[in-house]
Structure formats: C-alpha cells, structure tokens
C-alpha cells in the first residue's frame, strides 16, 4: 500500500465536543469517512455533560503557546514534516507528513503536549487535557493537502496567533 502524502489530524480538548451536540460528532458506530455524523441529541449531550467530573478544558493563550511549541518540537524531533498547525481554544488542527500511522502521530502529540502543559504548571497532574482519540484523515492527493492546509491556516474564524505556517522556521514566532 502506498503512503499518503500527509495526514490531517484534529483533536479536541477534554469535554469540549460531547456526543449529541448540534454540530455533530462521531462514535465507534458512526466514524467511517463519508458517512453522516451523529444527529443532535440533547438528552445524550446532557447525560455526557452530567457525568463529567470537571468542566471542559479550554486552552488560553499560555496553553496554546505551550501546545504549539510542543507540536513543533515533536515534529522536529521525529523528523515529521509539519505543513500547517492551528491551536484553537478547544481543538488542534495539524497537517503532517510522517512515515507512520496517523494514530501514532496524534497519540505522540497529545502525550507530549500533556507532559509539557504539566511541566509548565498549566495542567494539574490528574487533569485530562484531551478527548479520547480524534480525527485522522489520510490525504492522498496534492489538492487534498492544499485544501486541508488552507482550512487549517485560513478558515478557523478569527485568526489567532498560534498557527504554524509552512515557511515558519522559528517555533516561537507566534508564541
């Protein structure tokens, strides 16, 4: 099997994208590409919110700066090519070229971001920063890579300074 050109990886902060929300979500039974997301279900959303022990985790400027720098660091260390990155208040988008499965990429990024947030005292030792899993799309065509790169960098609403552009050589340029 051929290697994809890149991966489009998205993961949310803990508690910020619960099942049943109006914007849709996926679960193990509804997670195939091209299939509909779960419909809005206020009762399910409320049940999931009720069992949460803490409020949703929101990334402020300090958190986002730490996450951005960590992802740049991990990609450099692993020799993965980071094509685009945007760290929002409740999710992260990244377009990455890597010789391994996207689940490993996402797992490594989340683990290292959690470690760095804890080291910086921005996350408690027993707190969760990230939701379980996330989205790992294979990008097979150059047009798909360009589309997801543009989406990541230019279509996230009000621009935040915690983005990583392809020509951005210095990890702290926006931090």
N, C-alpha and C. Protein backbone atom coordinates (compact mmCIF):
# COMPACT_ATOMS: atom_id res chain seq x y z
N UNK A 1 0.84 -1.19 0.00
CA UNK A 1 0.00 0.00 0.00
C UNK A 1 0.88 1.25 0.00
N UNK A 2 0.50 2.21 -0.78
CA UNK A 2 1.25 3.46 -0.86
C UNK A 2 1.06 4.29 0.41
N UNK A 3 2.03 5.12 0.66
CA UNK A 3 1.98 6.04 1.79
C UNK A 3 1.20 7.29 1.36
N UNK A 4 0.27 7.80 2.19
CA UNK A 4 -0.42 9.04 1.83
C UNK A 4 0.57 10.21 1.80
N UNK A 5 0.18 11.28 1.13
CA UNK A 5 1.05 12.45 1.06
C UNK A 5 1.17 13.12 2.43
N UNK A 6 0.09 13.10 3.19
CA UNK A 6 0.08 13.74 4.51
C UNK A 6 -1.14 13.24 5.28
N UNK A 7 -1.22 13.67 6.53
CA UNK A 7 -2.38 13.38 7.37
C UNK A 7 -2.96 14.71 7.85
N UNK A 8 -4.29 14.76 7.97
CA UNK A 8 -4.97 15.88 8.60
C UNK A 8 -5.46 15.37 9.95
N UNK A 9 -4.89 15.91 11.01
CA UNK A 9 -5.15 15.43 12.36
C UNK A 9 -5.87 16.52 13.15
N UNK A 10 -6.95 16.12 13.80
CA UNK A 10 -7.71 17.03 14.65
C UNK A 10 -7.99 16.33 15.97
N UNK A 11 -7.76 17.04 17.07
CA UNK A 11 -8.18 16.52 18.36
C UNK A 11 -8.67 17.67 19.22
N UNK A 12 -9.65 17.35 20.06
CA UNK A 12 -10.32 18.34 20.89
C UNK A 12 -9.85 18.25 22.34
N UNK A 13 -10.10 19.33 23.05
CA UNK A 13 -9.81 19.32 24.48
C UNK A 13 -10.87 18.51 25.21
N UNK A 14 -10.50 18.05 26.38
CA UNK A 14 -11.38 17.20 27.20
C UNK A 14 -12.71 17.90 27.46
N UNK A 15 -13.80 17.20 27.11
CA UNK A 15 -15.13 17.69 27.42
C UNK A 15 -15.68 18.76 26.52
N UNK A 16 -14.95 19.12 25.46
CA UNK A 16 -15.39 20.24 24.63
C UNK A 16 -16.22 19.82 23.42
N UNK A 17 -16.29 18.54 23.11
CA UNK A 17 -17.03 18.10 21.93
C UNK A 17 -17.76 16.80 22.28
N UNK A 18 -18.82 16.93 23.03
CA UNK A 18 -19.55 15.76 23.52
C UNK A 18 -20.53 15.24 22.47
N UNK A 19 -20.84 13.95 22.53
CA UNK A 19 -21.84 13.38 21.64
C UNK A 19 -23.19 14.04 21.87
N UNK A 20 -23.94 14.18 20.80
CA UNK A 20 -25.27 14.76 20.89
C UNK A 20 -25.31 16.25 20.61
N UNK A 21 -24.18 16.90 20.51
CA UNK A 21 -24.16 18.34 20.27
C UNK A 21 -24.69 18.65 18.88
N UNK A 22 -25.20 19.86 18.69
CA UNK A 22 -25.84 20.27 17.44
C UNK A 22 -24.89 20.18 16.25
N UNK A 23 -23.60 20.44 16.46
CA UNK A 23 -22.63 20.43 15.37
C UNK A 23 -22.26 19.02 14.90
N UNK A 24 -22.77 18.01 15.57
CA UNK A 24 -22.47 16.63 15.20
C UNK A 24 -21.24 16.11 15.91
N UNK A 25 -21.12 14.80 15.89
CA UNK A 25 -19.95 14.12 16.46
C UNK A 25 -19.95 12.71 15.90
N UNK A 26 -18.92 11.96 16.25
CA UNK A 26 -18.85 10.56 15.84
C UNK A 26 -18.62 9.70 17.07
N UNK A 27 -19.01 8.45 16.96
CA UNK A 27 -18.73 7.47 18.00
C UNK A 27 -18.27 6.20 17.29
N UNK A 28 -17.93 5.14 18.01
CA UNK A 28 -17.41 3.94 17.34
C UNK A 28 -18.33 3.35 16.26
N UNK A 29 -19.63 3.58 16.38
CA UNK A 29 -20.56 3.06 15.38
C UNK A 29 -20.79 4.02 14.21
N UNK A 30 -20.32 5.26 14.34
CA UNK A 30 -20.56 6.30 13.32
C UNK A 30 -19.26 7.04 13.04
N UNK A 31 -18.27 6.34 12.52
CA UNK A 31 -16.97 7.00 12.34
C UNK A 31 -16.30 6.70 11.01
N UNK A 32 -17.05 6.24 10.04
CA UNK A 32 -16.45 5.95 8.73
C UNK A 32 -16.45 7.21 7.87
N UNK A 33 -15.34 7.50 7.19
CA UNK A 33 -15.30 8.69 6.32
C UNK A 33 -16.44 8.67 5.31
N UNK A 34 -17.04 9.84 5.14
CA UNK A 34 -18.11 9.97 4.17
C UNK A 34 -19.48 9.58 4.69
N UNK A 35 -19.58 9.07 5.91
CA UNK A 35 -20.88 8.71 6.47
C UNK A 35 -21.37 9.85 7.36
N UNK A 36 -22.67 9.94 7.58
CA UNK A 36 -23.21 11.04 8.39
C UNK A 36 -22.70 10.98 9.83
N UNK A 37 -22.59 12.17 10.41
CA UNK A 37 -22.25 12.26 11.83
C UNK A 37 -23.50 11.97 12.64
N UNK A 38 -23.32 11.82 13.94
CA UNK A 38 -24.47 11.61 14.81
C UNK A 38 -25.37 12.84 14.78
N UNK A 39 -26.66 12.63 14.78
CA UNK A 39 -27.57 13.78 14.82
C UNK A 39 -27.58 14.42 16.20
N UNK A 40 -28.11 15.62 16.26
CA UNK A 40 -28.25 16.30 17.54
C UNK A 40 -29.13 15.46 18.47
N UNK A 41 -28.68 15.36 19.72
CA UNK A 41 -29.43 14.60 20.72
C UNK A 41 -29.16 15.27 22.07
N UNK A 42 -30.03 16.21 22.42
CA UNK A 42 -29.84 16.99 23.64
C UNK A 42 -29.78 16.15 24.89
N UNK A 43 -30.56 15.06 24.93
CA UNK A 43 -30.54 14.20 26.12
C UNK A 43 -29.19 13.51 26.26
N UNK A 44 -28.64 13.00 25.15
CA UNK A 44 -27.33 12.35 25.23
C UNK A 44 -26.27 13.37 25.63
N UNK A 45 -26.31 14.56 25.03
CA UNK A 45 -25.36 15.60 25.37
C UNK A 45 -25.42 15.94 26.86
N UNK A 46 -26.63 16.08 27.39
CA UNK A 46 -26.79 16.40 28.81
C UNK A 46 -26.31 15.26 29.71
N UNK A 47 -26.56 14.01 29.31
CA UNK A 47 -26.07 12.87 30.09
C UNK A 47 -24.54 12.87 30.14
N UNK A 48 -23.92 13.10 28.99
CA UNK A 48 -22.45 13.11 28.96
C UNK A 48 -21.89 14.27 29.78
N UNK A 49 -22.51 15.42 29.71
CA UNK A 49 -22.07 16.58 30.49
C UNK A 49 -22.22 16.29 31.98
N UNK A 50 -23.31 15.62 32.37
CA UNK A 50 -23.60 15.34 33.78
C UNK A 50 -22.58 14.42 34.42
N UNK A 51 -21.98 13.51 33.66
CA UNK A 51 -21.02 12.58 34.26
C UNK A 51 -19.60 13.14 34.28
N UNK A 52 -19.39 14.30 33.67
CA UNK A 52 -18.06 14.92 33.71
C UNK A 52 -17.75 15.38 35.13
N UNK A 53 -16.53 15.09 35.58
CA UNK A 53 -16.13 15.47 36.93
C UNK A 53 -15.61 16.90 36.99
N UNK A 54 -15.21 17.43 35.82
CA UNK A 54 -14.68 18.79 35.75
C UNK A 54 -15.26 19.46 34.51
N UNK A 55 -15.23 20.78 34.46
CA UNK A 55 -15.74 21.47 33.26
C UNK A 55 -14.83 21.20 32.06
N UNK A 56 -15.32 21.48 30.86
CA UNK A 56 -14.47 21.29 29.67
C UNK A 56 -13.16 22.07 29.81
N UNK A 57 -12.10 21.50 29.28
CA UNK A 57 -10.78 22.13 29.32
C UNK A 57 -10.67 23.12 28.17
N UNK A 58 -10.35 24.37 28.48
CA UNK A 58 -10.23 25.43 27.48
C UNK A 58 -8.78 25.90 27.45
N UNK A 59 -8.24 26.05 26.25
CA UNK A 59 -6.87 26.49 26.08
C UNK A 59 -6.81 28.01 26.00
N UNK A 60 -6.16 28.65 26.99
CA UNK A 60 -5.95 30.09 26.93
C UNK A 60 -4.65 30.36 26.17
N UNK A 61 -4.21 31.60 26.11
CA UNK A 61 -3.00 31.94 25.35
C UNK A 61 -1.77 31.17 25.83
N UNK A 62 -1.60 31.02 27.14
CA UNK A 62 -0.44 30.29 27.66
C UNK A 62 -0.48 28.82 27.26
N UNK A 63 -1.67 28.21 27.37
CA UNK A 63 -1.83 26.81 26.96
C UNK A 63 -1.52 26.66 25.47
N UNK A 64 -2.09 27.54 24.66
CA UNK A 64 -1.93 27.42 23.20
C UNK A 64 -0.48 27.62 22.79
N UNK A 65 0.20 28.54 23.44
CA UNK A 65 1.60 28.75 23.14
C UNK A 65 2.42 27.50 23.47
N UNK A 66 2.14 26.89 24.61
CA UNK A 66 2.83 25.67 25.03
C UNK A 66 2.54 24.53 24.05
N UNK A 67 1.28 24.35 23.69
CA UNK A 67 0.89 23.27 22.77
C UNK A 67 1.54 23.48 21.41
N UNK A 68 1.49 24.70 20.91
CA UNK A 68 2.10 24.99 19.61
C UNK A 68 3.59 24.67 19.62
N UNK A 69 4.31 25.18 20.61
CA UNK A 69 5.75 24.94 20.68
C UNK A 69 6.06 23.45 20.82
N UNK A 70 5.25 22.73 21.58
CA UNK A 70 5.46 21.30 21.78
C UNK A 70 5.26 20.53 20.49
N UNK A 71 4.22 20.84 19.74
CA UNK A 71 3.97 20.14 18.48
C UNK A 71 5.10 20.40 17.48
N UNK A 72 5.56 21.62 17.42
CA UNK A 72 6.71 21.93 16.54
C UNK A 72 7.93 21.12 16.99
N UNK A 73 8.17 21.07 18.29
CA UNK A 73 9.30 20.32 18.85
C UNK A 73 9.21 18.82 18.53
N UNK A 74 8.04 18.23 18.75
CA UNK A 74 7.86 16.80 18.49
C UNK A 74 8.06 16.49 17.01
N UNK A 75 7.48 17.31 16.15
CA UNK A 75 7.64 17.08 14.70
C UNK A 75 9.11 17.19 14.29
N UNK A 76 9.79 18.18 14.82
CA UNK A 76 11.22 18.32 14.52
C UNK A 76 12.00 17.10 15.01
N UNK A 77 11.74 16.68 16.24
CA UNK A 77 12.45 15.54 16.82
C UNK A 77 12.19 14.24 16.06
N UNK A 78 10.94 14.02 15.67
CA UNK A 78 10.56 12.79 14.96
C UNK A 78 10.85 12.87 13.45
N UNK A 79 11.27 14.05 13.02
CA UNK A 79 11.53 14.31 11.60
C UNK A 79 10.26 14.14 10.77
N UNK A 80 9.14 14.61 11.35
CA UNK A 80 7.88 14.68 10.64
C UNK A 80 7.79 16.08 10.05
N UNK A 81 7.26 16.20 8.87
CA UNK A 81 7.13 17.50 8.23
C UNK A 81 5.78 18.11 8.63
N UNK A 82 5.84 19.20 9.36
CA UNK A 82 4.65 19.92 9.79
C UNK A 82 4.30 20.96 8.73
N UNK A 83 3.23 20.70 7.99
CA UNK A 83 2.84 21.61 6.91
C UNK A 83 1.97 22.75 7.41
N UNK A 84 1.14 22.49 8.41
CA UNK A 84 0.26 23.53 8.95
C UNK A 84 -0.18 23.11 10.34
N UNK A 85 -0.38 24.09 11.20
CA UNK A 85 -0.81 23.85 12.57
C UNK A 85 -1.63 25.04 13.03
N UNK A 86 -2.73 24.76 13.70
CA UNK A 86 -3.50 25.83 14.33
C UNK A 86 -4.04 25.30 15.65
N UNK A 87 -3.69 25.98 16.72
CA UNK A 87 -4.12 25.60 18.06
C UNK A 87 -5.23 26.58 18.46
N UNK A 88 -6.45 26.06 18.58
CA UNK A 88 -7.60 26.87 18.94
C UNK A 88 -7.88 26.72 20.44
N UNK A 89 -8.96 27.31 20.90
CA UNK A 89 -9.26 27.24 22.33
C UNK A 89 -9.77 25.88 22.76
N UNK A 90 -10.34 25.10 21.81
CA UNK A 90 -10.86 23.79 22.21
C UNK A 90 -10.46 22.66 21.26
N UNK A 91 -9.56 22.94 20.32
CA UNK A 91 -9.10 21.87 19.43
C UNK A 91 -7.81 22.28 18.73
N UNK A 92 -7.19 21.26 18.13
CA UNK A 92 -5.95 21.44 17.38
C UNK A 92 -6.15 20.83 16.00
N UNK A 93 -5.71 21.55 14.97
CA UNK A 93 -5.65 21.01 13.61
C UNK A 93 -4.18 20.98 13.20
N UNK A 94 -3.76 19.89 12.55
CA UNK A 94 -2.39 19.80 12.03
C UNK A 94 -2.40 19.01 10.73
N UNK A 95 -1.58 19.47 9.80
CA UNK A 95 -1.32 18.73 8.56
C UNK A 95 0.13 18.32 8.64
N UNK A 96 0.36 16.99 8.64
CA UNK A 96 1.68 16.45 8.93
C UNK A 96 2.02 15.33 7.95
N UNK A 97 3.27 15.33 7.49
CA UNK A 97 3.81 14.22 6.71
C UNK A 97 4.64 13.38 7.67
N UNK A 98 4.31 12.11 7.78
CA UNK A 98 5.02 11.21 8.70
C UNK A 98 5.03 9.80 8.13
N UNK A 99 6.10 9.03 8.38
CA UNK A 99 6.20 7.67 7.83
C UNK A 99 5.50 6.61 8.68
N UNK A 100 4.65 7.02 9.60
CA UNK A 100 3.96 6.08 10.48
C UNK A 100 2.46 6.35 10.40
N UNK A 101 1.68 5.56 11.10
CA UNK A 101 0.23 5.71 11.10
C UNK A 101 -0.16 7.03 11.79
N UNK A 102 -1.26 7.65 11.34
CA UNK A 102 -1.67 8.93 11.94
C UNK A 102 -2.09 8.79 13.40
N UNK A 103 -2.54 7.62 13.80
CA UNK A 103 -2.90 7.41 15.21
C UNK A 103 -1.68 7.56 16.11
N UNK A 104 -0.51 7.09 15.65
CA UNK A 104 0.73 7.27 16.42
C UNK A 104 1.10 8.74 16.49
N UNK A 105 0.95 9.43 15.37
CA UNK A 105 1.26 10.87 15.35
C UNK A 105 0.39 11.59 16.37
N UNK A 106 -0.92 11.36 16.30
CA UNK A 106 -1.84 12.03 17.21
C UNK A 106 -1.54 11.64 18.66
N UNK A 107 -1.32 10.38 18.92
CA UNK A 107 -1.04 9.92 20.27
C UNK A 107 0.23 10.57 20.82
N UNK A 108 1.28 10.61 20.02
CA UNK A 108 2.53 11.25 20.46
C UNK A 108 2.33 12.73 20.73
N UNK A 109 1.60 13.42 19.85
CA UNK A 109 1.38 14.85 20.04
C UNK A 109 0.61 15.11 21.33
N UNK A 110 -0.47 14.37 21.55
CA UNK A 110 -1.27 14.57 22.75
C UNK A 110 -0.47 14.25 24.02
N UNK A 111 0.30 13.18 23.98
CA UNK A 111 1.08 12.79 25.16
C UNK A 111 2.13 13.85 25.49
N UNK A 112 2.85 14.32 24.49
CA UNK A 112 3.89 15.31 24.75
C UNK A 112 3.30 16.67 25.13
N UNK A 113 2.18 17.04 24.52
CA UNK A 113 1.53 18.30 24.92
C UNK A 113 1.07 18.23 26.36
N UNK A 114 0.50 17.10 26.76
CA UNK A 114 0.08 16.93 28.16
C UNK A 114 1.28 17.04 29.08
N UNK A 115 2.36 16.38 28.74
CA UNK A 115 3.58 16.43 29.56
C UNK A 115 4.08 17.86 29.71
N UNK A 116 4.16 18.58 28.59
CA UNK A 116 4.68 19.96 28.64
C UNK A 116 3.72 20.89 29.39
N UNK A 117 2.42 20.71 29.22
CA UNK A 117 1.46 21.53 29.98
C UNK A 117 1.61 21.29 31.48
N UNK A 118 1.83 20.06 31.87
CA UNK A 118 2.03 19.75 33.29
C UNK A 118 3.35 20.33 33.80
N UNK A 119 4.40 20.20 33.01
CA UNK A 119 5.69 20.77 33.42
C UNK A 119 5.61 22.28 33.60
N UNK A 120 4.80 22.93 32.78
CA UNK A 120 4.63 24.38 32.86
C UNK A 120 3.60 24.78 33.92
N UNK A 121 3.07 23.79 34.65
CA UNK A 121 2.05 24.03 35.68
C UNK A 121 0.77 24.65 35.09
N UNK A 122 0.48 24.30 33.84
CA UNK A 122 -0.73 24.77 33.16
C UNK A 122 -1.83 23.72 33.18
N UNK A 123 -1.50 22.53 33.69
CA UNK A 123 -2.44 21.43 33.78
C UNK A 123 -2.10 20.63 35.02
N UNK A 124 -3.11 20.30 35.80
CA UNK A 124 -2.89 19.52 37.00
C UNK A 124 -2.44 18.10 36.68
N UNK A 125 -1.75 17.48 37.62
CA UNK A 125 -1.22 16.13 37.41
C UNK A 125 -2.30 15.09 37.14
N UNK A 126 -3.49 15.31 37.63
CA UNK A 126 -4.57 14.34 37.44
C UNK A 126 -5.63 14.82 36.45
N UNK A 127 -5.41 15.97 35.85
CA UNK A 127 -6.38 16.52 34.90
C UNK A 127 -6.15 15.98 33.51
N UNK A 128 -7.23 15.88 32.76
CA UNK A 128 -7.15 15.46 31.36
C UNK A 128 -7.20 16.69 30.47
N UNK A 129 -6.32 16.74 29.49
CA UNK A 129 -6.31 17.86 28.55
C UNK A 129 -7.12 17.54 27.31
N UNK A 130 -7.13 16.28 26.88
CA UNK A 130 -7.64 15.93 25.55
C UNK A 130 -8.78 14.92 25.61
N UNK A 131 -9.63 14.99 24.62
CA UNK A 131 -10.68 13.98 24.46
C UNK A 131 -10.03 12.68 24.02
N UNK A 132 -10.81 11.60 24.13
CA UNK A 132 -10.31 10.31 23.66
C UNK A 132 -10.29 10.33 22.14
N UNK A 133 -9.20 9.92 21.58
CA UNK A 133 -8.94 9.84 20.14
C UNK A 133 -9.09 11.20 19.48
N UNK A 134 -9.66 11.25 18.29
CA UNK A 134 -9.76 12.44 17.47
C UNK A 134 -10.00 12.02 16.04
N UNK A 135 -9.61 12.85 15.10
CA UNK A 135 -9.81 12.55 13.68
C UNK A 135 -8.46 12.45 12.99
N UNK A 136 -8.30 11.40 12.18
CA UNK A 136 -7.05 11.16 11.46
C UNK A 136 -7.38 10.87 10.00
N UNK A 137 -7.34 11.89 9.17
CA UNK A 137 -7.66 11.73 7.75
C UNK A 137 -6.40 11.53 6.92
N UNK A 138 -6.45 10.56 6.04
CA UNK A 138 -5.37 10.33 5.09
C UNK A 138 -5.56 11.27 3.91
N UNK A 139 -4.52 11.97 3.52
CA UNK A 139 -4.57 12.88 2.37
C UNK A 139 -3.74 12.28 1.24
N UNK A 140 -4.44 11.80 0.24
CA UNK A 140 -3.80 11.07 -0.86
C UNK A 140 -3.45 11.95 -2.05
N UNK A 141 -4.10 13.09 -2.19
CA UNK A 141 -3.89 13.94 -3.36
C UNK A 141 -3.34 15.30 -2.95
N UNK A 142 -2.55 15.90 -3.83
CA UNK A 142 -1.99 17.22 -3.54
C UNK A 142 -3.09 18.23 -3.29
N UNK A 143 -4.20 18.11 -4.02
CA UNK A 143 -5.32 19.04 -3.82
C UNK A 143 -5.89 18.91 -2.41
N UNK A 144 -5.93 17.70 -1.88
CA UNK A 144 -6.43 17.48 -0.51
C UNK A 144 -5.49 18.09 0.51
N UNK A 145 -4.19 17.95 0.28
CA UNK A 145 -3.21 18.56 1.19
C UNK A 145 -3.36 20.08 1.17
N UNK A 146 -3.48 20.64 -0.01
CA UNK A 146 -3.64 22.10 -0.13
C UNK A 146 -4.94 22.56 0.53
N UNK A 147 -6.02 21.81 0.34
CA UNK A 147 -7.31 22.17 0.93
C UNK A 147 -7.25 22.15 2.45
N UNK A 148 -6.69 21.10 3.04
CA UNK A 148 -6.63 21.00 4.49
C UNK A 148 -5.63 21.99 5.09
N UNK A 149 -4.56 22.29 4.36
CA UNK A 149 -3.62 23.31 4.82
C UNK A 149 -4.30 24.67 4.85
N UNK A 150 -5.02 25.00 3.79
CA UNK A 150 -5.76 26.27 3.75
C UNK A 150 -6.81 26.32 4.85
N UNK A 151 -7.54 25.23 5.03
CA UNK A 151 -8.55 25.17 6.08
C UNK A 151 -7.91 25.42 7.45
N UNK A 152 -6.79 24.76 7.70
CA UNK A 152 -6.12 24.88 8.99
C UNK A 152 -5.63 26.30 9.24
N UNK A 153 -5.06 26.92 8.24
CA UNK A 153 -4.44 28.23 8.44
C UNK A 153 -5.38 29.42 8.23
N UNK A 154 -6.36 29.27 7.37
CA UNK A 154 -7.13 30.43 6.95
C UNK A 154 -8.64 30.35 7.19
N UNK A 155 -9.15 29.22 7.63
CA UNK A 155 -10.60 29.09 7.76
C UNK A 155 -11.03 28.71 9.17
N UNK A 156 -10.34 29.23 10.15
CA UNK A 156 -10.65 28.90 11.55
C UNK A 156 -11.31 30.06 12.28
N UNK A 157 -12.01 30.90 11.55
CA UNK A 157 -12.64 32.05 12.21
C UNK A 157 -11.62 33.14 12.47
N UNK A 158 -11.81 33.86 13.53
CA UNK A 158 -10.90 34.94 13.87
C UNK A 158 -9.49 34.39 14.01
N UNK A 159 -8.55 34.96 13.25
CA UNK A 159 -7.17 34.45 13.33
C UNK A 159 -6.62 34.56 14.75
N UNK A 160 -5.96 33.51 15.17
CA UNK A 160 -5.24 33.51 16.43
C UNK A 160 -3.75 33.46 16.11
N UNK A 161 -2.94 33.84 17.03
CA UNK A 161 -1.52 33.85 16.73
C UNK A 161 -0.85 32.51 16.91
N UNK A 162 -1.60 31.47 17.21
CA UNK A 162 -1.00 30.17 17.49
C UNK A 162 -1.14 29.23 16.31
N UNK A 163 -0.67 29.71 15.17
CA UNK A 163 -0.67 28.91 13.95
C UNK A 163 0.77 28.70 13.52
N UNK A 164 1.00 27.68 12.74
CA UNK A 164 2.33 27.37 12.21
C UNK A 164 2.19 27.33 10.70
N UNK A 165 2.87 28.24 10.04
CA UNK A 165 2.81 28.34 8.59
C UNK A 165 3.97 27.58 7.96
N UNK A 166 3.80 27.11 6.71
CA UNK A 166 4.85 26.30 6.08
C UNK A 166 6.22 26.97 6.03
N UNK A 167 6.27 28.29 5.88
CA UNK A 167 7.57 28.97 5.79
C UNK A 167 8.05 29.49 7.14
N UNK A 168 7.43 29.05 8.20
CA UNK A 168 7.72 29.50 9.55
C UNK A 168 8.83 28.63 10.14
N UNK A 169 10.05 29.16 10.20
CA UNK A 169 11.18 28.36 10.65
C UNK A 169 11.41 28.42 12.16
N UNK A 170 10.88 29.42 12.80
CA UNK A 170 11.17 29.58 14.22
C UNK A 170 9.95 29.18 15.05
N UNK A 171 10.11 28.19 15.96
CA UNK A 171 8.97 27.66 16.72
C UNK A 171 8.23 28.70 17.57
N UNK A 172 8.87 29.79 17.95
CA UNK A 172 8.18 30.72 18.83
C UNK A 172 7.73 31.99 18.11
N UNK A 173 7.71 31.99 16.79
CA UNK A 173 7.33 33.18 16.05
C UNK A 173 5.98 33.74 16.47
N UNK A 174 5.01 32.87 16.74
CA UNK A 174 3.67 33.32 17.12
C UNK A 174 3.39 33.12 18.60
N UNK A 175 4.33 32.61 19.33
CA UNK A 175 4.09 32.30 20.74
C UNK A 175 4.35 33.53 21.60
